Amino acid sequence: MSTLDPLTWAILLMLLGCGIVVLEVFIPSGGMLSFFSAVAIIASIVMAFRRDATTGLSFVVLTLVAVPSTLGLALRYWPYTPMGKAFLGRLKSTKELIPRETRRELIGKVGIAKSKMLPSGSVQIDGKYVDAISQGGAIDLGQAVVVIEVRANRVVVRAADDDEARHAVKDPRDLLSTPIEDLGIQSYDDPIG
């Protein structure tokens, strides 16, 4: 039976050490795998120095490059392996990561201020509540507003003029702000009847 050259041992031990480093990242072992990885890498360097000093120094440099590179590749490709998928679950696609509702579609829409805006507050647009900022001064509760821009997912509104305010859709569930005539209830303020 022939013995292996020290360079062959050095290469095999380096590969073993890098493999154990990858396992340590993904299998919790309390540092046991790190210890075995360090032993294998140090043994690889010792075997390289047994061949000659140049090979030994080359393996020291190789260790400084190989271990971080191996970890980087493992972290990059681990989620796509069967075991990585089992640990992490299904990864979302790029299309799924894009928000469903982009707020740019709100530009030009008319809504109602649901809080006093000094300068920020809540606005109801198309039955949905949106956090918004007023462009200028304060906007009173219940005042009609118009969305004028969306900056970094932040909705900017201004007070609506009379013509725009007529287009403001009130929440049908908000009975207190609805005029009594619109509810179909007769007012008893009329003495005649």
Protein backbone atom coordinates (compact mmCIF):
# COMPACT_ATOMS: atom_id res chain seq x y z
CA MET A 1 0.00 0.00 0.00
CA SER A 2 1.51 3.31 -1.05
CA THR A 3 1.35 6.41 1.08
CA LEU A 4 0.04 9.67 -0.30
CA ASP A 5 2.25 12.64 -1.00
CA PRO A 6 2.03 15.45 1.67
CA LEU A 7 0.61 17.79 -0.99
CA THR A 8 -2.25 15.36 -1.68
CA TRP A 9 -2.95 15.15 2.05
CA ALA A 10 -2.88 18.94 2.29
CA ILE A 11 -5.41 19.30 -0.54
CA LEU A 12 -7.74 16.63 0.88
CA LEU A 13 -7.61 18.12 4.38
CA MET A 14 -8.28 21.64 3.01
CA LEU A 15 -11.33 20.36 1.12
CA LEU A 16 -12.53 18.53 4.23
CA GLY A 17 -12.03 21.65 6.38
CA CYS A 18 -13.97 23.87 3.94
CA GLY A 19 -16.75 21.30 3.77
CA ILE A 20 -17.05 21.17 7.53
CA VAL A 21 -17.13 24.99 7.67
CA VAL A 22 -20.17 24.93 5.37
CA LEU A 23 -21.84 22.34 7.59
CA GLU A 24 -21.18 24.47 10.69
CA VAL A 25 -23.12 27.35 9.20
CA PHE A 26 -26.25 25.30 8.60
CA ILE A 27 -26.16 22.61 11.27
CA PRO A 28 -26.08 23.89 14.85
CA SER A 29 -23.37 21.93 16.66
CA GLY A 30 -22.32 24.19 19.49
CA GLY A 31 -18.98 24.82 17.83
CA MET A 32 -17.99 21.16 17.48
CA LEU A 33 -17.96 21.31 13.68
CA SER A 34 -15.96 24.55 13.82
CA PHE A 35 -13.38 22.80 15.97
CA PHE A 36 -13.08 19.88 13.53
CA SER A 37 -12.91 22.29 10.59
CA ALA A 38 -10.09 24.24 12.25
CA VAL A 39 -8.23 21.01 12.99
CA ALA A 40 -8.55 19.87 9.36
CA ILE A 41 -7.39 23.24 7.99
CA ILE A 42 -4.43 23.46 10.37
CA ALA A 43 -3.48 19.86 9.52
CA SER A 44 -3.67 20.82 5.84
CA ILE A 45 -1.23 23.71 6.39
CA VAL A 46 1.12 21.47 8.42
CA MET A 47 1.13 18.84 5.66
CA ALA A 48 1.85 21.56 3.09
CA PHE A 49 4.82 22.77 5.16
CA ARG A 50 6.10 19.17 5.35
CA ARG A 51 6.49 19.30 1.58
CA ASP A 52 8.32 22.67 1.53
CA ALA A 53 8.01 26.24 2.86
CA THR A 54 6.67 27.73 -0.38
CA THR A 55 3.83 25.22 -0.51
CA GLY A 56 3.10 25.83 3.17
CA LEU A 57 2.87 29.61 2.69
CA SER A 58 0.72 29.04 -0.40
CA PHE A 59 -1.71 27.03 1.72
CA VAL A 60 -1.83 29.77 4.34
CA VAL A 61 -2.87 32.24 1.63
CA LEU A 62 -5.24 29.66 0.15
CA THR A 63 -6.89 29.28 3.55
CA LEU A 64 -7.42 33.04 3.79
CA VAL A 65 -9.17 32.99 0.41
CA ALA A 66 -10.86 29.57 0.36
CA VAL A 67 -12.72 29.65 3.68
CA PRO A 68 -14.51 33.01 3.14
CA SER A 69 -15.22 32.14 -0.50
CA THR A 70 -16.68 28.79 0.49
CA LEU A 71 -18.90 30.42 3.09
CA GLY A 72 -20.05 33.06 0.61
CA LEU A 73 -20.95 30.48 -2.02
CA ALA A 74 -22.72 28.32 0.53
CA LEU A 75 -24.81 31.22 1.77
CA ARG A 76 -25.60 32.24 -1.81
CA TYR A 77 -26.77 28.84 -3.06
CA TRP A 78 -28.08 27.22 0.14
CA PRO A 79 -31.68 28.50 -0.23
CA TYR A 80 -31.97 26.77 -3.64
CA THR A 81 -30.90 23.33 -2.43
CA PRO A 82 -33.53 20.76 -1.33
CA MET A 83 -32.32 21.00 2.27
CA GLY A 84 -32.29 24.80 2.14
CA LYS A 85 -35.84 24.82 0.77
CA ALA A 86 -36.90 22.51 3.58
CA PHE A 87 -35.41 24.85 6.21
CA LEU A 88 -36.43 28.17 4.70
CA GLY A 89 -39.67 27.27 2.95
CA ARG A 90 -40.68 28.59 -0.46
CA LEU A 91 -38.87 31.71 -1.59
CA LYS A 92 -40.97 34.54 -2.99
CA SER A 93 -40.42 35.51 -6.58
CA THR A 94 -39.45 39.03 -7.58
CA LYS A 95 -42.99 39.62 -8.83
CA GLU A 96 -44.42 38.65 -5.43
CA LEU A 97 -42.08 41.06 -3.63
CA ILE A 98 -43.44 44.12 -5.48
CA PRO A 99 -46.20 45.78 -3.43
CA ARG A 100 -49.66 45.00 -4.78
CA GLU A 101 -50.95 48.50 -4.35
CA THR A 102 -48.81 51.29 -5.64
CA ARG A 103 -49.87 54.63 -4.30
CA ARG A 104 -49.13 56.44 -7.56
CA GLU A 105 -52.62 55.55 -8.72
CA LEU A 106 -53.99 57.89 -6.03
CA ILE A 107 -52.69 61.05 -7.76
CA GLY A 108 -55.63 63.30 -8.68
CA LYS A 109 -58.16 61.47 -6.52
CA VAL A 110 -60.38 63.33 -4.11
CA GLY A 111 -60.84 62.21 -0.53
CA ILE A 112 -61.90 63.37 2.92
CA ALA A 113 -59.58 64.31 5.79
CA LYS A 114 -60.36 61.96 8.67
CA SER A 115 -58.18 63.86 11.14
CA LYS A 116 -56.87 67.36 11.50
CA MET A 117 -53.76 67.53 9.35
CA LEU A 118 -50.97 69.60 10.96
CA PRO A 119 -49.31 68.76 8.45
CA SER A 120 -49.86 64.98 8.59
CA GLY A 121 -52.93 62.96 9.29
CA SER A 122 -55.34 60.38 7.95
CA VAL A 123 -57.28 60.71 4.70
CA GLN A 124 -60.01 58.46 3.31
CA ILE A 125 -59.79 57.86 -0.44
CA ASP A 126 -62.04 55.35 -2.20
CA GLY A 127 -63.08 53.85 1.14
CA LYS A 128 -59.48 53.24 2.27
CA TYR A 129 -57.60 55.11 4.96
CA VAL A 130 -54.24 56.51 3.90
CA ASP A 131 -51.62 58.39 5.93
CA ALA A 132 -50.96 61.68 4.18
CA ILE A 133 -49.18 65.02 4.51
CA SER A 134 -50.70 68.36 3.60
CA GLN A 135 -48.83 70.42 1.06
CA GLY A 136 -49.37 73.75 2.75
CA GLY A 137 -51.23 74.75 5.85
CA ALA A 138 -53.52 72.85 8.14
CA ILE A 139 -56.48 70.90 6.79
CA ASP A 140 -59.53 70.50 9.01
CA LEU A 141 -61.31 67.26 9.83
CA GLY A 142 -63.93 66.42 7.18
CA GLN A 143 -62.48 68.80 4.58
CA ALA A 144 -62.16 67.52 1.02
CA VAL A 145 -58.59 66.97 -0.18
CA VAL A 146 -56.93 66.17 -3.50
CA VAL A 147 -53.86 63.93 -3.84
CA ILE A 148 -51.25 65.95 -5.72
CA GLU A 149 -48.18 63.73 -5.50
CA VAL A 150 -46.66 60.60 -4.04
CA ARG A 151 -43.10 60.94 -2.75
CA ALA A 152 -41.26 57.86 -1.54
CA ASN A 153 -44.55 56.14 -0.75
CA ARG A 154 -45.75 59.25 1.08
CA VAL A 155 -49.04 60.75 -0.08
CA VAL A 156 -49.13 64.56 -0.36
CA VAL A 157 -52.54 66.29 -0.40
CA ARG A 158 -53.91 69.80 -0.62
CA ALA A 159 -57.29 71.23 0.30
CA ALA A 160 -59.81 70.76 -2.51
CA ASP A 161 -61.61 73.76 -4.03
CA ASP A 162 -65.44 73.82 -4.18
CA ASP A 163 -65.65 72.14 -7.59
CA GLU A 164 -63.32 69.30 -6.54
CA ALA A 165 -65.06 68.95 -3.17
CA ARG A 166 -68.33 67.95 -4.92
CA HIS A 167 -66.54 64.87 -6.25
CA ALA A 168 -65.46 63.76 -2.79
CA VAL A 169 -67.06 60.42 -2.01
CA LYS A 170 -68.26 60.16 1.54
CA ASP A 171 -68.16 56.86 3.38
CA PRO A 172 -71.71 55.41 3.30
CA ARG A 173 -71.17 54.01 6.80
CA ASP A 174 -70.42 57.49 8.20
CA LEU A 175 -74.01 58.51 8.97
CA LEU A 176 -73.10 61.43 11.21
CA SER A 177 -71.54 63.46 8.40
CA THR A 178 -74.37 62.72 5.95
CA PRO A 179 -77.03 65.46 5.59
CA ILE A 180 -80.39 64.40 7.03
CA GLU A 181 -82.13 64.93 3.69
CA ASP A 182 -79.84 62.37 2.05
CA LEU A 183 -80.88 59.77 4.64
CA GLY A 184 -84.57 60.05 3.71
CA ILE A 185 -85.55 61.29 7.15
CA GLN A 186 -87.97 64.14 7.45
CA SER A 187 -86.73 67.11 9.45
CA TYR A 188 -88.95 68.33 12.26
CA ASP A 189 -87.61 71.88 12.12
CA ASP A 190 -90.46 72.80 9.75
CA PRO A 191 -93.47 73.92 11.85
CA ILE A 192 -95.92 73.31 9.01
CA GLY A 193 -94.94 69.89 8.55
